[in-house]
C-alpha atoms as a PDB file:
ATOM      1  CA  UNK A   1      17.773 141.097 -29.144  1.00  0.00           C
ATOM      2  CA  UNK A   2      19.836 141.998 -26.405  1.00  0.00           C
ATOM      3  CA  UNK A   3      23.308 140.303 -25.530  1.00  0.00           C
ATOM      4  CA  UNK A   4      21.841 138.979 -22.065  1.00  0.00           C
ATOM      5  CA  UNK A   5      18.806 137.625 -23.743  1.00  0.00           C
ATOM      6  CA  UNK A   6      21.071 135.724 -26.027  1.00  0.00           C
ATOM      7  CA  UNK A   7      23.176 134.402 -23.461  1.00  0.00           C
ATOM      8  CA  UNK A   8      19.902 133.054 -21.455  1.00  0.00           C
ATOM      9  CA  UNK A   9      18.676 131.329 -24.619  1.00  0.00           C
ATOM     10  CA  UNK A  10      22.033 129.941 -25.281  1.00  0.00           C
ATOM     11  CA  UNK A  11      22.241 128.551 -21.713  1.00  0.00           C
ATOM     12  CA  UNK A  12      18.792 126.945 -21.984  1.00  0.00           C
ATOM     13  CA  UNK A  13      19.916 125.123 -25.031  1.00  0.00           C
ATOM     14  CA  UNK A  14      23.051 123.894 -23.563  1.00  0.00           C
ATOM     15  CA  UNK A  15      21.107 122.622 -20.454  1.00  0.00           C
ATOM     16  CA  UNK A  16      18.553 120.809 -22.947  1.00  0.00           C
ATOM     17  CA  UNK A  17      21.303 119.262 -24.858  1.00  0.00           C
ATOM     18  CA  UNK A  18      22.991 117.886 -21.744  1.00  0.00           C
ATOM     19  CA  UNK A  19      19.580 116.594 -20.271  1.00  0.00           C
ATOM     20  CA  UNK A  20      19.188 114.832 -23.425  1.00  0.00           C
ATOM     21  CA  UNK A  21      22.568 113.374 -23.539  1.00  0.00           C
ATOM     22  CA  UNK A  22      22.260 112.264 -19.925  1.00  0.00           C
ATOM     23  CA  UNK A  23      18.694 111.004 -19.981  1.00  0.00           C
ATOM     24  CA  UNK A  24      18.072 109.716 -23.486  1.00  0.00           C
ATOM     25  CA  UNK A  25      21.165 108.744 -25.478  1.00  0.00           C
ATOM     26  CA  UNK A  26      22.697 105.400 -24.535  1.00  0.00           C
ATOM     27  CA  UNK A  27      26.129 105.895 -23.898  1.00  0.00           C
ATOM     28  CA  UNK A  28      27.157 103.377 -21.057  1.00  0.00           C
ATOM     29  CA  UNK A  29      27.451  99.618 -21.844  1.00  0.00           C
ATOM     30  CA  UNK A  30      26.147  97.421 -19.136  1.00  0.00           C
ATOM     31  CA  UNK A  31      25.907  93.400 -18.799  1.00  0.00           C
ATOM     32  CA  UNK A  32      22.610  91.391 -17.922  1.00  0.00           C
ATOM     33  CA  UNK A  33      21.859  87.818 -17.568  1.00  0.00           C
ATOM     34  CA  UNK A  34      18.791  86.058 -19.464  1.00  0.00           C
ATOM     35  CA  UNK A  35      17.533  82.597 -19.466  1.00  0.00           C
ATOM     36  CA  UNK A  36      17.723  80.939 -22.843  1.00  0.00           C
ATOM     37  CA  UNK A  37      15.581  77.830 -23.518  1.00  0.00           C
ATOM     38  CA  UNK A  38      17.045  74.743 -25.117  1.00  0.00           C
ATOM     39  CA  UNK A  39      16.102  71.131 -25.830  1.00  0.00           C
ATOM     40  CA  UNK A  40      17.689  68.127 -24.019  1.00  0.00           C
ATOM     41  CA  UNK A  41      17.231  64.506 -24.136  1.00  0.00           C
ATOM     42  CA  UNK A  42      16.348  63.347 -20.368  1.00  0.00           C
ATOM     43  CA  UNK A  43      16.635  59.677 -19.268  1.00  0.00           C
ATOM     44  CA  UNK A  44      13.926  58.540 -16.856  1.00  0.00           C
ATOM     45  CA  UNK A  45      12.890  55.182 -15.411  1.00  0.00           C
ATOM     46  CA  UNK A  46       9.272  53.527 -15.194  1.00  0.00           C
ATOM     47  CA  UNK A  47       8.268  50.319 -13.400  1.00  0.00           C
ATOM     48  CA  UNK A  48       6.673  47.979 -15.828  1.00  0.00           C
ATOM     49  CA  UNK A  49       4.838  44.576 -15.072  1.00  0.00           C
ATOM     50  CA  UNK A  50       5.806  41.289 -16.568  1.00  0.00           C
ATOM     51  CA  UNK A  51       5.013  37.759 -16.099  1.00  0.00           C
ATOM     52  CA  UNK A  52       7.280  34.830 -15.332  1.00  0.00           C
ATOM     53  CA  UNK A  53       6.584  31.204 -14.588  1.00  0.00           C
ATOM     54  CA  UNK A  54       7.338  30.574 -10.729  1.00  0.00           C
ATOM     55  CA  UNK A  55       7.794  27.028  -9.556  1.00  0.00           C
ATOM     56  CA  UNK A  56       6.579  25.792  -5.993  1.00  0.00           C
ATOM     57  CA  UNK A  57       6.504  22.649  -4.178  1.00  0.00           C
ATOM     58  CA  UNK A  58       3.234  21.172  -2.663  1.00  0.00           C
ATOM     59  CA  UNK A  59       2.120  17.964  -0.798  1.00  0.00           C
ATOM     60  CA  UNK A  60      -0.217  16.023  -3.144  1.00  0.00           C
ATOM     61  CA  UNK A  61      -2.287  13.110  -1.722  1.00  0.00           C
ATOM     62  CA  UNK A  62      -2.501   9.850  -3.659  1.00  0.00           C
ATOM     63  CA  UNK A  63      -4.101   6.331  -2.710  1.00  0.00           C
ATOM     64  CA  UNK A  64      -2.404   3.245  -2.815  1.00  0.00           C
ATOM     65  CA  UNK A  65      -3.586  -0.444  -1.937  1.00  0.00           C
ATOM     66  CA  UNK A  66      -1.558  -1.883   1.076  1.00  0.00           C
ATOM     67  CA  UNK A  67      -1.725  -5.307   2.260  1.00  0.00           C
ATOM     68  CA  UNK A  68      -2.624  -5.051   5.882  1.00  0.00           C
ATOM     69  CA  UNK A  69      -1.969  -8.073   8.353  1.00  0.00           C
ATOM     70  CA  UNK A  70      -3.780  -8.389  11.524  1.00  0.00           C
ATOM     71  CA  UNK A  71      -4.401 -10.799  14.161  1.00  0.00           C
ATOM     72  CA  UNK A  72      -8.013 -12.489  14.518  1.00  0.00           C
ATOM     73  CA  UNK A  73      -8.804 -14.189  17.790  1.00  0.00           C
ATOM     74  CA  UNK A  74     -12.117 -15.730  19.153  1.00  0.00           C
ATOM     75  CA  UNK A  75     -13.386 -18.500  21.405  1.00  0.00           C
ATOM     76  CA  UNK A  76     -15.938 -21.219  20.399  1.00  0.00           C
ATOM     77  CA  UNK A  77     -17.813 -23.222  22.804  1.00  0.00           C
ATOM     78  CA  UNK A  78     -17.716 -26.867  22.164  1.00  0.00           C
ATOM     79  CA  UNK A  79     -19.653 -28.187  24.806  1.00  0.00           C
ATOM     80  CA  UNK A  80     -21.511 -27.051  27.761  1.00  0.00           C
ATOM     81  CA  UNK A  81     -24.155 -29.567  29.101  1.00  0.00           C
ATOM     82  CA  UNK A  82     -24.839 -32.472  31.280  1.00  0.00           C
ATOM     83  CA  UNK A  83     -24.634 -36.000  29.580  1.00  0.00           C
ATOM     84  CA  UNK A  84     -25.909 -39.320  31.010  1.00  0.00           C
ATOM     85  CA  UNK A  85     -23.821 -42.146  30.472  1.00  0.00           C
ATOM     86  CA  UNK A  86     -25.097 -45.596  30.939  1.00  0.00           C
ATOM     87  CA  UNK A  87     -23.270 -48.601  33.198  1.00  0.00           C
ATOM     88  CA  UNK A  88     -21.044 -50.513  31.134  1.00  0.00           C
ATOM     89  CA  UNK A  89     -21.054 -47.951  28.178  1.00  0.00           C
ATOM     90  CA  UNK A  90     -19.338 -44.873  26.769  1.00  0.00           C
ATOM     91  CA  UNK A  91     -20.628 -41.831  25.183  1.00  0.00           C
ATOM     92  CA  UNK A  92     -18.902 -40.302  22.249  1.00  0.00           C
ATOM     93  CA  UNK A  93     -19.285 -36.710  21.698  1.00  0.00           C
ATOM     94  CA  UNK A  94     -18.083 -35.360  18.214  1.00  0.00           C
ATOM     95  CA  UNK A  95     -17.267 -31.660  17.543  1.00  0.00           C
ATOM     96  CA  UNK A  96     -15.666 -30.174  14.388  1.00  0.00           C
ATOM     97  CA  UNK A  97     -12.394 -27.935  14.984  1.00  0.00           C
ATOM     98  CA  UNK A  98     -11.416 -26.119  12.039  1.00  0.00           C
ATOM     99  CA  UNK A  99      -7.698 -25.391  12.865  1.00  0.00           C
ATOM    100  CA  UNK A 100      -6.432 -21.851  12.838  1.00  0.00           C
ATOM    101  CA  UNK A 101      -2.830 -20.592  13.366  1.00  0.00           C
ATOM    102  CA  UNK A 102      -3.005 -21.175  17.043  1.00  0.00           C
ATOM    103  CA  UNK A 103      -5.851 -23.263  18.802  1.00  0.00           C
ATOM    104  CA  UNK A 104      -6.093 -24.105  22.524  1.00  0.00           C
ATOM    105  CA  UNK A 105      -8.862 -26.379  23.802  1.00  0.00           C
ATOM    106  CA  UNK A 106      -9.643 -26.344  27.403  1.00  0.00           C
ATOM    107  CA  UNK A 107     -12.348 -27.148  29.858  1.00  0.00           C
ATOM    108  CA  UNK A 108     -13.589 -29.166  32.775  1.00  0.00           C
ATOM    109  CA  UNK A 109     -15.222 -32.599  33.202  1.00  0.00           C
ATOM    110  CA  UNK A 110     -17.428 -33.408  36.401  1.00  0.00           C
ATOM    111  CA  UNK A 111     -19.240 -36.477  37.476  1.00  0.00           C
ATOM    112  CA  UNK A 112     -22.090 -34.770  39.401  1.00  0.00           C
ATOM    113  CA  UNK A 113     -23.578 -37.615  41.353  1.00  0.00           C
ATOM    114  CA  UNK A 114     -20.569 -38.038  43.476  1.00  0.00           C
ATOM    115  CA  UNK A 115     -18.927 -40.928  41.499  1.00  0.00           C
ATOM    116  CA  UNK A 116     -16.294 -40.799  38.712  1.00  0.00           C
ATOM    117  CA  UNK A 117     -15.862 -40.894  34.870  1.00  0.00           C
ATOM    118  CA  UNK A 118     -13.010 -41.347  32.350  1.00  0.00           C
ATOM    119  CA  UNK A 119     -12.469 -38.836  29.729  1.00  0.00           C
ATOM    120  CA  UNK A 120     -10.661 -39.394  26.304  1.00  0.00           C
ATOM    121  CA  UNK A 121     -10.511 -37.032  23.441  1.00  0.00           C
ATOM    122  CA  UNK A 122      -9.539 -38.220  19.926  1.00  0.00           C
ATOM    123  CA  UNK A 123      -9.224 -37.012  16.636  1.00  0.00           C
ATOM    124  CA  UNK A 124     -11.056 -39.094  13.858  1.00  0.00           C
ATOM    125  CA  UNK A 125      -8.129 -41.649  13.079  1.00  0.00           C
ATOM    126  CA  UNK A 126      -7.613 -42.475  16.701  1.00  0.00           C
ATOM    127  CA  UNK A 127     -11.236 -42.865  17.546  1.00  0.00           C
ATOM    128  CA  UNK A 128     -11.788 -45.119  14.740  1.00  0.00           C
ATOM    129  CA  UNK A 129      -8.835 -47.219  16.091  1.00  0.00           C
ATOM    130  CA  UNK A 130     -10.358 -46.900  19.727  1.00  0.00           C
ATOM    131  CA  UNK A 131     -13.554 -48.334  18.292  1.00  0.00           C
ATOM    132  CA  UNK A 132     -11.739 -51.022  16.445  1.00  0.00           C
ATOM    133  CA  UNK A 133      -9.783 -52.214  19.512  1.00  0.00           C
ATOM    134  CA  UNK A 134      -6.535 -51.138  17.799  1.00  0.00           C
ATOM    135  CA  UNK A 135      -3.787 -49.085  19.015  1.00  0.00           C
ATOM    136  CA  UNK A 136      -4.594 -45.324  19.694  1.00  0.00           C
ATOM    137  CA  UNK A 137      -3.046 -42.305  21.004  1.00  0.00           C
ATOM    138  CA  UNK A 138      -5.581 -39.776  22.739  1.00  0.00           C
ATOM    139  CA  UNK A 139      -4.989 -36.078  23.098  1.00  0.00           C
ATOM    140  CA  UNK A 140      -6.555 -36.229  26.586  1.00  0.00           C
ATOM    141  CA  UNK A 141      -6.735 -39.139  28.889  1.00  0.00           C
ATOM    142  CA  UNK A 142      -8.337 -38.620  32.523  1.00  0.00           C
ATOM    143  CA  UNK A 143      -8.846 -41.983  34.243  1.00  0.00           C
ATOM    144  CA  UNK A 144     -11.653 -42.046  36.838  1.00  0.00           C
ATOM    145  CA  UNK A 145     -11.868 -38.453  37.885  1.00  0.00           C
ATOM    146  CA  UNK A 146     -14.660 -36.991  39.701  1.00  0.00           C
ATOM    147  CA  UNK A 147     -13.945 -33.325  38.531  1.00  0.00           C
ATOM    148  CA  UNK A 148     -10.698 -32.372  36.526  1.00  0.00           C
ATOM    149  CA  UNK A 149      -9.385 -29.763  34.275  1.00  0.00           C
ATOM    150  CA  UNK A 150      -8.031 -30.494  30.865  1.00  0.00           C
ATOM    151  CA  UNK A 151      -6.441 -28.976  27.748  1.00  0.00           C
ATOM    152  CA  UNK A 152      -4.953 -29.761  24.591  1.00  0.00           C
ATOM    153  CA  UNK A 153      -3.720 -28.329  21.341  1.00  0.00           C
ATOM    154  CA  UNK A 154      -5.346 -29.434  18.184  1.00  0.00           C
ATOM    155  CA  UNK A 155      -2.911 -29.960  15.271  1.00  0.00           C
ATOM    156  CA  UNK A 156      -5.119 -30.217  12.311  1.00  0.00           C
ATOM    157  CA  UNK A 157      -8.586 -29.635  10.991  1.00  0.00           C
ATOM    158  CA  UNK A 158     -10.525 -32.739  11.928  1.00  0.00           C
ATOM    159  CA  UNK A 159     -13.600 -34.107  13.889  1.00  0.00           C
ATOM    160  CA  UNK A 160     -12.590 -34.508  17.571  1.00  0.00           C
ATOM    161  CA  UNK A 161     -14.425 -37.021  19.777  1.00  0.00           C
ATOM    162  CA  UNK A 162     -14.768 -36.377  23.625  1.00  0.00           C
ATOM    163  CA  UNK A 163     -15.370 -39.999  24.963  1.00  0.00           C
ATOM    164  CA  UNK A 164     -17.071 -40.228  28.390  1.00  0.00           C
ATOM    165  CA  UNK A 165     -16.214 -43.907  29.444  1.00  0.00           C
ATOM    166  CA  UNK A 166     -18.166 -45.605  32.044  1.00  0.00           C
ATOM    167  CA  UNK A 167     -17.331 -49.257  30.820  1.00  0.00           C
ATOM    168  CA  UNK A 168     -15.846 -50.189  34.158  1.00  0.00           C
ATOM    169  CA  UNK A 169     -19.069 -49.805  36.009  1.00  0.00           C
ATOM    170  CA  UNK A 170     -21.716 -52.414  35.648  1.00  0.00           C
ATOM    171  CA  UNK A 171     -24.406 -50.906  37.734  1.00  0.00           C
ATOM    172  CA  UNK A 172     -23.973 -47.095  38.254  1.00  0.00           C
ATOM    173  CA  UNK A 173     -24.901 -44.726  35.233  1.00  0.00           C
ATOM    174  CA  UNK A 174     -23.099 -41.535  35.445  1.00  0.00           C
ATOM    175  CA  UNK A 175     -24.329 -37.871  34.976  1.00  0.00           C
ATOM    176  CA  UNK A 176     -21.378 -35.673  33.637  1.00  0.00           C
ATOM    177  CA  UNK A 177     -21.080 -32.108  33.107  1.00  0.00           C
ATOM    178  CA  UNK A 178     -18.703 -31.366  30.264  1.00  0.00           C
ATOM    179  CA  UNK A 179     -17.522 -27.932  29.528  1.00  0.00           C
ATOM    180  CA  UNK A 180     -15.120 -27.313  26.751  1.00  0.00           C
ATOM    181  CA  UNK A 181     -14.264 -24.337  24.393  1.00  0.00           C
ATOM    182  CA  UNK A 182     -11.633 -23.532  21.756  1.00  0.00           C
ATOM    183  CA  UNK A 183      -9.813 -20.431  22.016  1.00  0.00           C
ATOM    184  CA  UNK A 184      -7.920 -19.439  18.657  1.00  0.00           C
ATOM    185  CA  UNK A 185      -6.130 -16.774  16.921  1.00  0.00           C
ATOM    186  CA  UNK A 186      -4.915 -16.361  13.357  1.00  0.00           C
ATOM    187  CA  UNK A 187      -3.136 -13.917  11.039  1.00  0.00           C
ATOM    188  CA  UNK A 188      -5.233 -12.575   8.525  1.00  0.00           C
ATOM    189  CA  UNK A 189      -4.353 -10.210   5.504  1.00  0.00           C
ATOM    190  CA  UNK A 190      -6.417  -7.925   3.528  1.00  0.00           C
ATOM    191  CA  UNK A 191      -5.918  -4.987   1.231  1.00  0.00           C
ATOM    192  CA  UNK A 192      -6.940  -1.438   2.321  1.00  0.00           C
ATOM    193  CA  UNK A 193      -6.790   2.011   0.483  1.00  0.00           C
ATOM    194  CA  UNK A 194      -4.361   4.294   2.269  1.00  0.00           C
ATOM    195  CA  UNK A 195      -3.815   7.761   1.400  1.00  0.00           C
ATOM    196  CA  UNK A 196      -0.297   9.044   1.253  1.00  0.00           C
ATOM    197  CA  UNK A 197       1.282  12.406   0.407  1.00  0.00           C
ATOM    198  CA  UNK A 198       4.349  13.078  -2.050  1.00  0.00           C
ATOM    199  CA  UNK A 199       5.995  16.361  -2.812  1.00  0.00           C
ATOM    200  CA  UNK A 200       5.332  17.478  -6.422  1.00  0.00           C
ATOM    201  CA  UNK A 201       6.756  20.651  -8.251  1.00  0.00           C
ATOM    202  CA  UNK A 202       4.069  22.876  -9.933  1.00  0.00           C
ATOM    203  CA  UNK A 203       4.301  26.081 -11.639  1.00  0.00           C
ATOM    204  CA  UNK A 204       2.164  29.245 -11.600  1.00  0.00           C
ATOM    205  CA  UNK A 205       2.091  32.620 -13.372  1.00  0.00           C
ATOM    206  CA  UNK A 206       3.264  35.538 -11.139  1.00  0.00           C
ATOM    207  CA  UNK A 207       3.482  39.192 -11.944  1.00  0.00           C
ATOM    208  CA  UNK A 208       6.779  41.043 -11.205  1.00  0.00           C
ATOM    209  CA  UNK A 209       8.087  44.531 -11.922  1.00  0.00           C
ATOM    210  CA  UNK A 210      11.162  45.938 -13.542  1.00  0.00           C
ATOM    211  CA  UNK A 211      12.833  49.392 -14.041  1.00  0.00           C
ATOM    212  CA  UNK A 212      12.733  50.225 -17.796  1.00  0.00           C
ATOM    213  CA  UNK A 213      14.864  53.096 -19.172  1.00  0.00           C
ATOM    214  CA  UNK A 214      13.249  55.603 -21.342  1.00  0.00           C
ATOM    215  CA  UNK A 215      14.058  59.159 -22.917  1.00  0.00           C
ATOM    216  CA  UNK A 216      12.138  62.089 -23.685  1.00  0.00           C
ATOM    217  CA  UNK A 217      12.822  65.559 -25.035  1.00  0.00           C
ATOM    218  CA  UNK A 218      12.502  68.198 -22.342  1.00  0.00           C
ATOM    219  CA  UNK A 219      13.127  72.132 -22.390  1.00  0.00           C
ATOM    220  CA  UNK A 220      15.721  73.503 -20.214  1.00  0.00           C
ATOM    221  CA  UNK A 221      16.977  76.893 -19.454  1.00  0.00           C
ATOM    222  CA  UNK A 222      20.783  78.200 -19.373  1.00  0.00           C
ATOM    223  CA  UNK A 223      21.895  81.612 -18.221  1.00  0.00           C
ATOM    224  CA  UNK A 224      23.686  83.958 -20.783  1.00  0.00           C
ATOM    225  CA  UNK A 225      25.255  87.034 -20.066  1.00  0.00           C
ATOM    226  CA  UNK A 226      24.331  89.807 -22.671  1.00  0.00           C
ATOM    227  CA  UNK A 227      25.284  93.422 -23.242  1.00  0.00           C
ATOM    228  CA  UNK A 228      23.451  96.609 -23.982  1.00  0.00           C
ATOM    229  CA  UNK A 229      23.910 100.531 -23.954  1.00  0.00           C
ATOM    230  CA  UNK A 230      22.101 102.413 -21.368  1.00  0.00           C
ATOM    231  CA  UNK A 231      21.955 106.192 -20.792  1.00  0.00           C
ATOM    232  CA  UNK A 232      23.968 107.607 -18.139  1.00  0.00           C
ATOM    233  CA  UNK A 233      20.986 108.414 -15.841  1.00  0.00           C
ATOM    234  CA  UNK A 234      19.473 104.868 -16.093  1.00  0.00           C
ATOM    235  CA  UNK A 235      23.243 103.630 -15.424  1.00  0.00           C
ATOM    236  CA  UNK A 236      23.334 105.702 -12.346  1.00  0.00           C
ATOM    237  CA  UNK A 237      19.971 104.736 -11.251  1.00  0.00           C
ATOM    238  CA  UNK A 238      20.016 100.869 -11.631  1.00  0.00           C
ATOM    239  CA  UNK A 239      23.499  99.403 -12.391  1.00  0.00           C
ATOM    240  CA  UNK A 240      26.002 101.908 -10.445  1.00  0.00           C
ATOM    241  CA  UNK A 241      26.946 100.350  -7.138  1.00  0.00           C
END
């Protein structure tokens, strides 16, 4: 083999060795980052329902028996007619009056034939005295009137007598129109059921929510720097700035 051929082969071998060294053999250290997993305890919160007793106020109806006082009024007709009275006589007209808290008797008396008439009003006791010729006290006394208005206040429950007196006339009978009424009022009491309202405290169950702390294990990642050997060609192509 010639000397030049030997040199050519040697040169090829050197180039091949250099190529292997540059491209294959890791000669240069470089750093790189990797994500490394690890487990950690994580705290989190959830909203959980729970029940509580809540107080509230409400108006509650109730019924009571109350004594109620009221005024009762009315009018009762005692007489409303014409009456004939003979000459020399009298006519007694009784009526029963039950006394209320307040009574007021009023009316008119009229002799309708153009003459006159005398009117007395008695209670039972004084009418008896009048008949017996004893001393008496009338509630009303109208002497020889052709037409008059009268009134009185009865003071007790009794029979009252309206006396049309024509004893002073011995010849002429009388025709008398008598009108009388009792207007009364009285206080009455009765029980009645009344609805009232009172404030009461009641309770009800309501749902509320609260945040509850909990924990769980989770996987996380952290960056770590690691090192490796790369070939010169890899370094020049990928890491050299």
